[in-house]
């Protein structure tokens, strides 16, 4: 297994502390001391493989620690925070990611029998140990960086193989639950996307449930099982992350940022920002601007 990890690390030696393109569609890599402000973001749907070092992702009140080699699943766009650490042997943190393509997943689900599905007893997010077979297909995928002429023909096959391992693994049920709803005339995915795109607006849970063609109780349970957050928590964290960008990048005042993302009370915004980021908006913005790693 270590031999596989070593070769993957060698192939990814050009990765930086920002998501780095590989030339392979939807495959990214990142390496080194990734600053925490960069890891506080709206994560895109992906499968992330921690190759070496460790990472902790915080989703709502859940903290998901993982040590390489292991992988995690972000099933849909969702707010989260994180931190990374180097390996115990001193090697830098390294991870690779496969961004999820809805069409590829839906096509694959048609060919994946439900009998091989794994379901946890809990809805808690968890790290999944990487098997040798899982690392081998990642290695085949990443070797394509050396033979780009083969990418068009082989990358789609390796992508399906990676996703198949995920679907039959311990976090695969999240992808099944999210995307199989498309085939049943209802879509929790559609409602999640609506909140993502309209997070500055107020909404009623009943209206979101209707969009997903579900009862309120079922909708609320499925939304939280997929995202780790209730719809209101999901909206709140989207607002806080967007306000942080406005304060730091665009020079907004605290009041203007709060109002722009949908808050009616600046004091409430201050309280929730402090609770989420560990510092008041003013202190947090000053710290980020003074951070030499901040770009």
C-alpha atoms as a PDB file:
ATOM      1  CA  UNK A   1       0.000   0.000   0.000  1.00  0.00           C
ATOM      2  CA  UNK A   2       2.831   2.422   0.821  1.00  0.00           C
ATOM      3  CA  UNK A   3       4.293   1.821  -2.624  1.00  0.00           C
ATOM      4  CA  UNK A   4       1.017   2.991  -4.167  1.00  0.00           C
ATOM      5  CA  UNK A   5       0.968   6.079  -1.939  1.00  0.00           C
ATOM      6  CA  UNK A   6       4.572   6.888  -2.841  1.00  0.00           C
ATOM      7  CA  UNK A   7       3.907   6.711  -6.575  1.00  0.00           C
ATOM      8  CA  UNK A   8       0.795   8.871  -6.291  1.00  0.00           C
ATOM      9  CA  UNK A   9       2.806  11.416  -4.279  1.00  0.00           C
ATOM     10  CA  UNK A  10       5.522  11.425  -6.920  1.00  0.00           C
ATOM     11  CA  UNK A  11       2.991  12.011  -9.700  1.00  0.00           C
ATOM     12  CA  UNK A  12       1.476  14.922  -7.741  1.00  0.00           C
ATOM     13  CA  UNK A  13       4.769  16.627  -6.852  1.00  0.00           C
ATOM     14  CA  UNK A  14       3.769  19.766  -8.801  1.00  0.00           C
ATOM     15  CA  UNK A  15       0.637  20.355  -6.696  1.00  0.00           C
ATOM     16  CA  UNK A  16       0.439  23.669  -4.812  1.00  0.00           C
ATOM     17  CA  UNK A  17      -1.518  24.884  -1.785  1.00  0.00           C
ATOM     18  CA  UNK A  18      -4.356  25.855  -4.110  1.00  0.00           C
ATOM     19  CA  UNK A  19      -6.391  23.333  -6.123  1.00  0.00           C
ATOM     20  CA  UNK A  20      -4.077  22.459  -9.013  1.00  0.00           C
ATOM     21  CA  UNK A  21      -5.245  21.269 -12.432  1.00  0.00           C
ATOM     22  CA  UNK A  22      -3.948  17.901 -13.624  1.00  0.00           C
ATOM     23  CA  UNK A  23      -5.050  18.080 -17.257  1.00  0.00           C
ATOM     24  CA  UNK A  24      -7.527  15.280 -16.508  1.00  0.00           C
ATOM     25  CA  UNK A  25     -11.183  16.382 -16.522  1.00  0.00           C
ATOM     26  CA  UNK A  26     -12.559  17.002 -12.993  1.00  0.00           C
ATOM     27  CA  UNK A  27      -9.356  15.779 -11.284  1.00  0.00           C
ATOM     28  CA  UNK A  28      -7.526  18.241  -9.006  1.00  0.00           C
ATOM     29  CA  UNK A  29      -4.647  17.986  -6.518  1.00  0.00           C
ATOM     30  CA  UNK A  30      -3.499  20.085  -3.567  1.00  0.00           C
ATOM     31  CA  UNK A  31      -0.407  19.896  -1.372  1.00  0.00           C
ATOM     32  CA  UNK A  32       1.270  21.628   1.538  1.00  0.00           C
ATOM     33  CA  UNK A  33       0.172  23.930   4.345  1.00  0.00           C
ATOM     34  CA  UNK A  34      -3.250  24.904   3.026  1.00  0.00           C
ATOM     35  CA  UNK A  35      -4.417  27.978   5.001  1.00  0.00           C
ATOM     36  CA  UNK A  36      -7.559  27.463   7.075  1.00  0.00           C
ATOM     37  CA  UNK A  37      -9.381  30.433   5.535  1.00  0.00           C
ATOM     38  CA  UNK A  38      -9.123  28.683   2.165  1.00  0.00           C
ATOM     39  CA  UNK A  39     -10.713  25.571   3.670  1.00  0.00           C
ATOM     40  CA  UNK A  40     -13.671  27.558   5.045  1.00  0.00           C
ATOM     41  CA  UNK A  41     -15.749  27.555   1.898  1.00  0.00           C
ATOM     42  CA  UNK A  42     -18.696  26.190  -0.006  1.00  0.00           C
ATOM     43  CA  UNK A  43     -17.326  22.825  -1.110  1.00  0.00           C
ATOM     44  CA  UNK A  44     -18.170  21.566  -4.566  1.00  0.00           C
ATOM     45  CA  UNK A  45     -19.499  17.993  -4.906  1.00  0.00           C
ATOM     46  CA  UNK A  46     -16.469  15.719  -4.932  1.00  0.00           C
ATOM     47  CA  UNK A  47     -14.668  12.621  -3.773  1.00  0.00           C
ATOM     48  CA  UNK A  48     -11.501  13.644  -1.954  1.00  0.00           C
ATOM     49  CA  UNK A  49      -8.622  11.231  -1.375  1.00  0.00           C
ATOM     50  CA  UNK A  50      -6.201  12.218   1.377  1.00  0.00           C
ATOM     51  CA  UNK A  51      -2.996  10.604   0.143  1.00  0.00           C
ATOM     52  CA  UNK A  52      -0.664  11.569   2.970  1.00  0.00           C
ATOM     53  CA  UNK A  53      -0.909  13.760   6.033  1.00  0.00           C
ATOM     54  CA  UNK A  54      -4.247  14.436   7.652  1.00  0.00           C
ATOM     55  CA  UNK A  55      -7.309  16.611   7.312  1.00  0.00           C
ATOM     56  CA  UNK A  56     -10.242  17.521   9.537  1.00  0.00           C
ATOM     57  CA  UNK A  57     -13.478  18.729   7.986  1.00  0.00           C
ATOM     58  CA  UNK A  58     -16.171  20.362  10.109  1.00  0.00           C
ATOM     59  CA  UNK A  59     -19.709  20.081   8.754  1.00  0.00           C
ATOM     60  CA  UNK A  60     -22.263  21.630  11.057  1.00  0.00           C
ATOM     61  CA  UNK A  61     -21.473  20.187  14.483  1.00  0.00           C
ATOM     62  CA  UNK A  62     -19.709  17.164  13.027  1.00  0.00           C
ATOM     63  CA  UNK A  63     -15.938  16.951  12.919  1.00  0.00           C
ATOM     64  CA  UNK A  64     -14.553  14.380  10.494  1.00  0.00           C
ATOM     65  CA  UNK A  65     -10.862  13.624  11.113  1.00  0.00           C
ATOM     66  CA  UNK A  66      -8.986  11.538   8.579  1.00  0.00           C
ATOM     67  CA  UNK A  67      -5.465  10.295   8.020  1.00  0.00           C
ATOM     68  CA  UNK A  68      -4.097   9.305   4.644  1.00  0.00           C
ATOM     69  CA  UNK A  69      -4.695   7.160   2.798  1.00  0.00           C
ATOM     70  CA  UNK A  70      -8.451   7.654   3.204  1.00  0.00           C
ATOM     71  CA  UNK A  71     -11.236   9.357   1.306  1.00  0.00           C
ATOM     72  CA  UNK A  72     -14.334  11.417   1.988  1.00  0.00           C
ATOM     73  CA  UNK A  73     -17.483  12.314   0.041  1.00  0.00           C
ATOM     74  CA  UNK A  74     -19.007  15.764  -0.401  1.00  0.00           C
ATOM     75  CA  UNK A  75     -22.304  14.812  -2.089  1.00  0.00           C
ATOM     76  CA  UNK A  76     -23.545  18.293  -2.993  1.00  0.00           C
ATOM     77  CA  UNK A  77     -22.531  21.919  -2.701  1.00  0.00           C
ATOM     78  CA  UNK A  78     -22.257  22.527   1.036  1.00  0.00           C
ATOM     79  CA  UNK A  79     -20.569  24.885   3.494  1.00  0.00           C
ATOM     80  CA  UNK A  80     -17.760  23.458   5.628  1.00  0.00           C
ATOM     81  CA  UNK A  81     -14.525  24.410   7.344  1.00  0.00           C
ATOM     82  CA  UNK A  82     -11.313  22.439   7.606  1.00  0.00           C
ATOM     83  CA  UNK A  83      -7.676  22.165   8.563  1.00  0.00           C
ATOM     84  CA  UNK A  84      -4.784  20.049   7.306  1.00  0.00           C
ATOM     85  CA  UNK A  85      -1.602  18.691   8.850  1.00  0.00           C
ATOM     86  CA  UNK A  86       1.548  17.103   7.527  1.00  0.00           C
ATOM     87  CA  UNK A  87       2.224  13.375   7.850  1.00  0.00           C
ATOM     88  CA  UNK A  88       3.925  11.995  10.951  1.00  0.00           C
ATOM     89  CA  UNK A  89       6.997  11.229   8.834  1.00  0.00           C
ATOM     90  CA  UNK A  90       7.226  14.905   7.891  1.00  0.00           C
ATOM     91  CA  UNK A  91       5.844  14.569   4.377  1.00  0.00           C
ATOM     92  CA  UNK A  92       3.498  17.380   3.349  1.00  0.00           C
ATOM     93  CA  UNK A  93      -0.257  17.055   3.287  1.00  0.00           C
ATOM     94  CA  UNK A  94      -1.402  15.825  -0.117  1.00  0.00           C
ATOM     95  CA  UNK A  95      -4.841  15.118  -1.478  1.00  0.00           C
ATOM     96  CA  UNK A  96      -6.463  14.584  -4.850  1.00  0.00           C
ATOM     97  CA  UNK A  97     -10.090  15.119  -5.758  1.00  0.00           C
ATOM     98  CA  UNK A  98     -12.579  14.005  -8.358  1.00  0.00           C
ATOM     99  CA  UNK A  99     -15.345  16.526  -8.909  1.00  0.00           C
ATOM    100  CA  UNK A 100     -18.702  14.819  -9.266  1.00  0.00           C
ATOM    101  CA  UNK A 101     -20.475  14.904 -12.600  1.00  0.00           C
ATOM    102  CA  UNK A 102     -24.217  14.375 -12.206  1.00  0.00           C
ATOM    103  CA  UNK A 103     -24.678  12.676 -15.588  1.00  0.00           C
ATOM    104  CA  UNK A 104     -21.799  10.241 -14.996  1.00  0.00           C
ATOM    105  CA  UNK A 105     -23.233   9.307 -11.595  1.00  0.00           C
ATOM    106  CA  UNK A 106     -26.771   8.835 -12.872  1.00  0.00           C
ATOM    107  CA  UNK A 107     -25.532   6.599 -15.708  1.00  0.00           C
ATOM    108  CA  UNK A 108     -23.410   4.574 -13.287  1.00  0.00           C
ATOM    109  CA  UNK A 109     -26.276   4.148 -10.814  1.00  0.00           C
ATOM    110  CA  UNK A 110     -28.261   2.381 -13.537  1.00  0.00           C
ATOM    111  CA  UNK A 111     -25.510  -0.255 -13.716  1.00  0.00           C
ATOM    112  CA  UNK A 112     -24.919  -0.577  -9.958  1.00  0.00           C
ATOM    113  CA  UNK A 113     -27.129  -3.118  -8.171  1.00  0.00           C
ATOM    114  CA  UNK A 114     -28.709  -1.959  -4.922  1.00  0.00           C
ATOM    115  CA  UNK A 115     -27.702  -5.254  -3.354  1.00  0.00           C
ATOM    116  CA  UNK A 116     -24.115  -4.033  -2.994  1.00  0.00           C
ATOM    117  CA  UNK A 117     -25.081  -0.816  -1.195  1.00  0.00           C
ATOM    118  CA  UNK A 118     -23.606  -0.141   2.241  1.00  0.00           C
ATOM    119  CA  UNK A 119     -25.566   1.909   4.778  1.00  0.00           C
ATOM    120  CA  UNK A 120     -24.259   3.203   8.079  1.00  0.00           C
ATOM    121  CA  UNK A 121     -26.397   3.039  11.193  1.00  0.00           C
ATOM    122  CA  UNK A 122     -25.798   6.771  11.564  1.00  0.00           C
ATOM    123  CA  UNK A 123     -26.068   9.775   9.251  1.00  0.00           C
ATOM    124  CA  UNK A 124     -22.744  11.111  10.552  1.00  0.00           C
ATOM    125  CA  UNK A 125     -20.129  11.848   7.912  1.00  0.00           C
ATOM    126  CA  UNK A 126     -17.064   9.645   8.187  1.00  0.00           C
ATOM    127  CA  UNK A 127     -13.670   9.060   6.627  1.00  0.00           C
ATOM    128  CA  UNK A 128     -13.401   5.897   4.539  1.00  0.00           C
ATOM    129  CA  UNK A 129     -10.180   3.855   4.574  1.00  0.00           C
ATOM    130  CA  UNK A 130      -8.680   3.612   1.088  1.00  0.00           C
ATOM    131  CA  UNK A 131      -8.255   0.021  -0.060  1.00  0.00           C
ATOM    132  CA  UNK A 132      -5.381  -1.058  -2.322  1.00  0.00           C
ATOM    133  CA  UNK A 133      -7.914  -1.468  -5.161  1.00  0.00           C
ATOM    134  CA  UNK A 134      -9.132   2.106  -4.678  1.00  0.00           C
ATOM    135  CA  UNK A 135      -5.588   3.472  -4.684  1.00  0.00           C
ATOM    136  CA  UNK A 136      -4.716   1.432  -7.772  1.00  0.00           C
ATOM    137  CA  UNK A 137      -7.454   2.987  -9.881  1.00  0.00           C
ATOM    138  CA  UNK A 138      -6.473   6.453  -8.663  1.00  0.00           C
ATOM    139  CA  UNK A 139      -2.908   5.640  -9.651  1.00  0.00           C
ATOM    140  CA  UNK A 140      -3.994   4.600 -13.147  1.00  0.00           C
ATOM    141  CA  UNK A 141      -5.952   7.846 -13.434  1.00  0.00           C
ATOM    142  CA  UNK A 142      -3.042  10.033 -12.294  1.00  0.00           C
ATOM    143  CA  UNK A 143      -0.532   8.256 -14.548  1.00  0.00           C
ATOM    144  CA  UNK A 144      -2.481   9.778 -17.433  1.00  0.00           C
ATOM    145  CA  UNK A 145      -0.739  13.063 -16.606  1.00  0.00           C
ATOM    146  CA  UNK A 146       2.333  11.480 -18.202  1.00  0.00           C
ATOM    147  CA  UNK A 147       0.438  10.261 -21.276  1.00  0.00           C
ATOM    148  CA  UNK A 148      -2.137  12.987 -22.003  1.00  0.00           C
ATOM    149  CA  UNK A 149      -2.871  11.469 -25.393  1.00  0.00           C
ATOM    150  CA  UNK A 150      -4.678   8.624 -23.560  1.00  0.00           C
ATOM    151  CA  UNK A 151      -6.856  10.857 -21.344  1.00  0.00           C
ATOM    152  CA  UNK A 152      -9.865  11.085 -23.643  1.00  0.00           C
ATOM    153  CA  UNK A 153     -10.080   7.299 -24.071  1.00  0.00           C
ATOM    154  CA  UNK A 154      -9.207   6.082 -20.556  1.00  0.00           C
ATOM    155  CA  UNK A 155     -10.135   8.777 -18.017  1.00  0.00           C
ATOM    156  CA  UNK A 156     -13.915   8.160 -18.301  1.00  0.00           C
ATOM    157  CA  UNK A 157     -13.413   4.455 -17.513  1.00  0.00           C
ATOM    158  CA  UNK A 158     -11.211   5.212 -14.496  1.00  0.00           C
ATOM    159  CA  UNK A 159     -13.707   7.856 -13.319  1.00  0.00           C
ATOM    160  CA  UNK A 160     -16.516   5.290 -13.338  1.00  0.00           C
ATOM    161  CA  UNK A 161     -14.320   2.803 -11.493  1.00  0.00           C
ATOM    162  CA  UNK A 162     -13.462   5.327  -8.769  1.00  0.00           C
ATOM    163  CA  UNK A 163     -17.131   6.241  -8.377  1.00  0.00           C
ATOM    164  CA  UNK A 164     -18.164   2.580  -8.310  1.00  0.00           C
ATOM    165  CA  UNK A 165     -15.838   1.949  -5.352  1.00  0.00           C
ATOM    166  CA  UNK A 166     -17.397   4.958  -3.624  1.00  0.00           C
ATOM    167  CA  UNK A 167     -20.973   3.844  -4.331  1.00  0.00           C
ATOM    168  CA  UNK A 168     -20.412   0.415  -2.774  1.00  0.00           C
ATOM    169  CA  UNK A 169     -18.465   1.892   0.153  1.00  0.00           C
ATOM    170  CA  UNK A 170     -19.614   3.234   3.494  1.00  0.00           C
ATOM    171  CA  UNK A 171     -20.455   6.749   2.234  1.00  0.00           C
ATOM    172  CA  UNK A 172     -21.917   5.702  -1.110  1.00  0.00           C
ATOM    173  CA  UNK A 173     -25.469   5.789   0.231  1.00  0.00           C
ATOM    174  CA  UNK A 174     -25.308   9.608   0.290  1.00  0.00           C
ATOM    175  CA  UNK A 175     -24.810   9.714  -3.472  1.00  0.00           C
ATOM    176  CA  UNK A 176     -27.500   7.095  -4.026  1.00  0.00           C
ATOM    177  CA  UNK A 177     -30.017   8.968  -1.899  1.00  0.00           C
ATOM    178  CA  UNK A 178     -29.238  12.270  -3.571  1.00  0.00           C
ATOM    179  CA  UNK A 179     -29.239  11.159  -7.195  1.00  0.00           C
ATOM    180  CA  UNK A 180     -31.736   8.300  -7.193  1.00  0.00           C
ATOM    181  CA  UNK A 181     -34.404  10.814  -6.228  1.00  0.00           C
ATOM    182  CA  UNK A 182     -34.106  12.139  -9.797  1.00  0.00           C
ATOM    183  CA  UNK A 183     -35.416   8.806 -11.032  1.00  0.00           C
ATOM    184  CA  UNK A 184     -38.373   8.787  -8.626  1.00  0.00           C
ATOM    185  CA  UNK A 185     -39.933  12.092  -9.651  1.00  0.00           C
ATOM    186  CA  UNK A 186     -38.655  13.970  -6.589  1.00  0.00           C
ATOM    187  CA  UNK A 187     -35.397  15.743  -5.987  1.00  0.00           C
ATOM    188  CA  UNK A 188     -33.842  16.782  -2.713  1.00  0.00           C
ATOM    189  CA  UNK A 189     -30.960  17.892  -4.934  1.00  0.00           C
ATOM    190  CA  UNK A 190     -33.187  20.519  -6.544  1.00  0.00           C
ATOM    191  CA  UNK A 191     -34.116  21.998  -3.161  1.00  0.00           C
ATOM    192  CA  UNK A 192     -30.495  22.084  -1.993  1.00  0.00           C
ATOM    193  CA  UNK A 193     -29.583  23.916  -5.176  1.00  0.00           C
ATOM    194  CA  UNK A 194     -32.395  26.401  -4.633  1.00  0.00           C
ATOM    195  CA  UNK A 195     -31.137  27.295  -1.147  1.00  0.00           C
ATOM    196  CA  UNK A 196     -27.593  27.514  -2.512  1.00  0.00           C
ATOM    197  CA  UNK A 197     -28.670  30.013  -5.175  1.00  0.00           C
ATOM    198  CA  UNK A 198     -31.138  32.012  -3.034  1.00  0.00           C
ATOM    199  CA  UNK A 199     -29.484  31.960   0.391  1.00  0.00           C
ATOM    200  CA  UNK A 200     -30.063  35.694   0.899  1.00  0.00           C
ATOM    201  CA  UNK A 201     -33.839  35.132   0.749  1.00  0.00           C
ATOM    202  CA  UNK A 202     -36.049  33.888   3.552  1.00  0.00           C
ATOM    203  CA  UNK A 203     -38.015  30.704   2.888  1.00  0.00           C
ATOM    204  CA  UNK A 204     -40.531  28.335   4.412  1.00  0.00           C
ATOM    205  CA  UNK A 205     -39.552  24.695   4.928  1.00  0.00           C
ATOM    206  CA  UNK A 206     -42.922  23.665   3.504  1.00  0.00           C
ATOM    207  CA  UNK A 207     -42.130  25.411   0.197  1.00  0.00           C
ATOM    208  CA  UNK A 208     -38.763  23.627  -0.052  1.00  0.00           C
ATOM    209  CA  UNK A 209     -40.384  20.292   0.735  1.00  0.00           C
ATOM    210  CA  UNK A 210     -42.910  20.899  -2.021  1.00  0.00           C
ATOM    211  CA  UNK A 211     -40.091  21.574  -4.488  1.00  0.00           C
ATOM    212  CA  UNK A 212     -38.702  18.140  -3.593  1.00  0.00           C
ATOM    213  CA  UNK A 213     -42.178  16.527  -3.730  1.00  0.00           C
ATOM    214  CA  UNK A 214     -41.797  15.361  -0.128  1.00  0.00           C
ATOM    215  CA  UNK A 215     -43.538  15.728   3.197  1.00  0.00           C
ATOM    216  CA  UNK A 216     -41.924  18.202   5.599  1.00  0.00           C
ATOM    217  CA  UNK A 217     -40.589  15.571   8.012  1.00  0.00           C
ATOM    218  CA  UNK A 218     -39.117  13.381   5.262  1.00  0.00           C
ATOM    219  CA  UNK A 219     -37.627  16.399   3.509  1.00  0.00           C
ATOM    220  CA  UNK A 220     -35.994  17.759   6.658  1.00  0.00           C
ATOM    221  CA  UNK A 221     -34.528  14.335   7.514  1.00  0.00           C
ATOM    222  CA  UNK A 222     -33.141  13.741   4.023  1.00  0.00           C
ATOM    223  CA  UNK A 223     -31.737  17.274   3.716  1.00  0.00           C
ATOM    224  CA  UNK A 224     -29.829  16.879   6.973  1.00  0.00           C
ATOM    225  CA  UNK A 225     -28.646  13.339   6.231  1.00  0.00           C
ATOM    226  CA  UNK A 226     -27.116  14.480   2.923  1.00  0.00           C
ATOM    227  CA  UNK A 227     -25.666  17.853   3.958  1.00  0.00           C
ATOM    228  CA  UNK A 228     -25.103  17.350   7.698  1.00  0.00           C
ATOM    229  CA  UNK A 229     -27.104  20.533   8.273  1.00  0.00           C
ATOM    230  CA  UNK A 230     -30.724  21.548   8.604  1.00  0.00           C
ATOM    231  CA  UNK A 231     -31.986  23.854   5.829  1.00  0.00           C
ATOM    232  CA  UNK A 232     -31.761  26.871   8.170  1.00  0.00           C
ATOM    233  CA  UNK A 233     -28.196  25.978   9.279  1.00  0.00           C
ATOM    234  CA  UNK A 234     -27.246  25.441   5.642  1.00  0.00           C
ATOM    235  CA  UNK A 235     -28.540  28.893   4.728  1.00  0.00           C
ATOM    236  CA  UNK A 236     -26.869  30.530   7.731  1.00  0.00           C
ATOM    237  CA  UNK A 237     -23.438  29.132   6.937  1.00  0.00           C
ATOM    238  CA  UNK A 238     -23.743  30.139   3.276  1.00  0.00           C
ATOM    239  CA  UNK A 239     -24.520  33.677   4.442  1.00  0.00           C
ATOM    240  CA  UNK A 240     -21.581  33.785   6.827  1.00  0.00           C
ATOM    241  CA  UNK A 241     -19.104  32.519   4.228  1.00  0.00           C
ATOM    242  CA  UNK A 242     -20.325  35.030   1.639  1.00  0.00           C
ATOM    243  CA  UNK A 243     -20.215  37.890   4.160  1.00  0.00           C
ATOM    244  CA  UNK A 244     -16.637  36.968   5.058  1.00  0.00           C
ATOM    245  CA  UNK A 245     -15.642  37.261   1.395  1.00  0.00           C
ATOM    246  CA  UNK A 246     -17.352  40.661   1.108  1.00  0.00           C
ATOM    247  CA  UNK A 247     -15.583  41.941   4.223  1.00  0.00           C
ATOM    248  CA  UNK A 248     -12.153  40.691   3.209  1.00  0.00           C
ATOM    249  CA  UNK A 249     -12.074  40.977  -0.568  1.00  0.00           C
ATOM    250  CA  UNK A 250     -14.522  43.803  -1.292  1.00  0.00           C
ATOM    251  CA  UNK A 251     -13.993  46.141   1.646  1.00  0.00           C
ATOM    252  CA  UNK A 252     -17.618  46.085   2.822  1.00  0.00           C
ATOM    253  CA  UNK A 253     -18.466  47.445   6.250  1.00  0.00           C
ATOM    254  CA  UNK A 254     -19.834  44.936   8.767  1.00  0.00           C
ATOM    255  CA  UNK A 255     -23.326  46.417   8.467  1.00  0.00           C
ATOM    256  CA  UNK A 256     -23.316  46.415   4.661  1.00  0.00           C
ATOM    257  CA  UNK A 257     -22.027  42.834   4.488  1.00  0.00           C
ATOM    258  CA  UNK A 258     -24.657  41.640   6.966  1.00  0.00           C
ATOM    259  CA  UNK A 259     -27.493  43.297   5.054  1.00  0.00           C
ATOM    260  CA  UNK A 260     -26.182  42.164   1.672  1.00  0.00           C
ATOM    261  CA  UNK A 261     -26.312  38.470   2.608  1.00  0.00           C
ATOM    262  CA  UNK A 262     -29.785  38.691   4.146  1.00  0.00           C
ATOM    263  CA  UNK A 263     -29.337  39.528   7.834  1.00  0.00           C
ATOM    264  CA  UNK A 264     -31.798  42.030   9.302  1.00  0.00           C
ATOM    265  CA  UNK A 265     -29.820  42.468  12.529  1.00  0.00           C
ATOM    266  CA  UNK A 266     -26.131  43.411  12.610  1.00  0.00           C
ATOM    267  CA  UNK A 267     -25.854  42.256  16.219  1.00  0.00           C
ATOM    268  CA  UNK A 268     -27.176  38.819  15.262  1.00  0.00           C
ATOM    269  CA  UNK A 269     -24.670  38.685  12.407  1.00  0.00           C
ATOM    270  CA  UNK A 270     -21.841  39.586  14.793  1.00  0.00           C
ATOM    271  CA  UNK A 271     -22.868  36.828  17.221  1.00  0.00           C
ATOM    272  CA  UNK A 272     -23.175  34.143  14.562  1.00  0.00           C
ATOM    273  CA  UNK A 273     -19.954  35.159  12.805  1.00  0.00           C
ATOM    274  CA  UNK A 274     -18.044  35.006  16.099  1.00  0.00           C
ATOM    275  CA  UNK A 275     -19.506  31.596  16.899  1.00  0.00           C
ATOM    276  CA  UNK A 276     -18.713  30.172  13.448  1.00  0.00           C
ATOM    277  CA  UNK A 277     -15.269  31.660  12.779  1.00  0.00           C
ATOM    278  CA  UNK A 278     -14.068  32.121  16.376  1.00  0.00           C
ATOM    279  CA  UNK A 279     -13.657  35.896  16.062  1.00  0.00           C
ATOM    280  CA  UNK A 280     -15.777  38.986  15.484  1.00  0.00           C
ATOM    281  CA  UNK A 281     -16.149  40.157  11.870  1.00  0.00           C
ATOM    282  CA  UNK A 282     -13.722  43.037  12.415  1.00  0.00           C
ATOM    283  CA  UNK A 283     -11.056  40.919  14.118  1.00  0.00           C
ATOM    284  CA  UNK A 284     -11.430  38.065  11.642  1.00  0.00           C
ATOM    285  CA  UNK A 285     -11.112  40.391   8.646  1.00  0.00           C
ATOM    286  CA  UNK A 286      -8.037  42.085  10.099  1.00  0.00           C
ATOM    287  CA  UNK A 287      -6.408  38.702  10.788  1.00  0.00           C
ATOM    288  CA  UNK A 288      -7.042  37.468   7.257  1.00  0.00           C
ATOM    289  CA  UNK A 289      -5.723  40.659   5.659  1.00  0.00           C
ATOM    290  CA  UNK A 290      -2.595  40.454   7.801  1.00  0.00           C
ATOM    291  CA  UNK A 291      -2.067  36.791   6.964  1.00  0.00           C
ATOM    292  CA  UNK A 292       0.912  36.630   4.648  1.00  0.00           C
ATOM    293  CA  UNK A 293      -0.631  33.558   2.971  1.00  0.00           C
ATOM    294  CA  UNK A 294      -3.834  35.391   2.150  1.00  0.00           C
ATOM    295  CA  UNK A 295      -4.308  36.077  -1.557  1.00  0.00           C
END
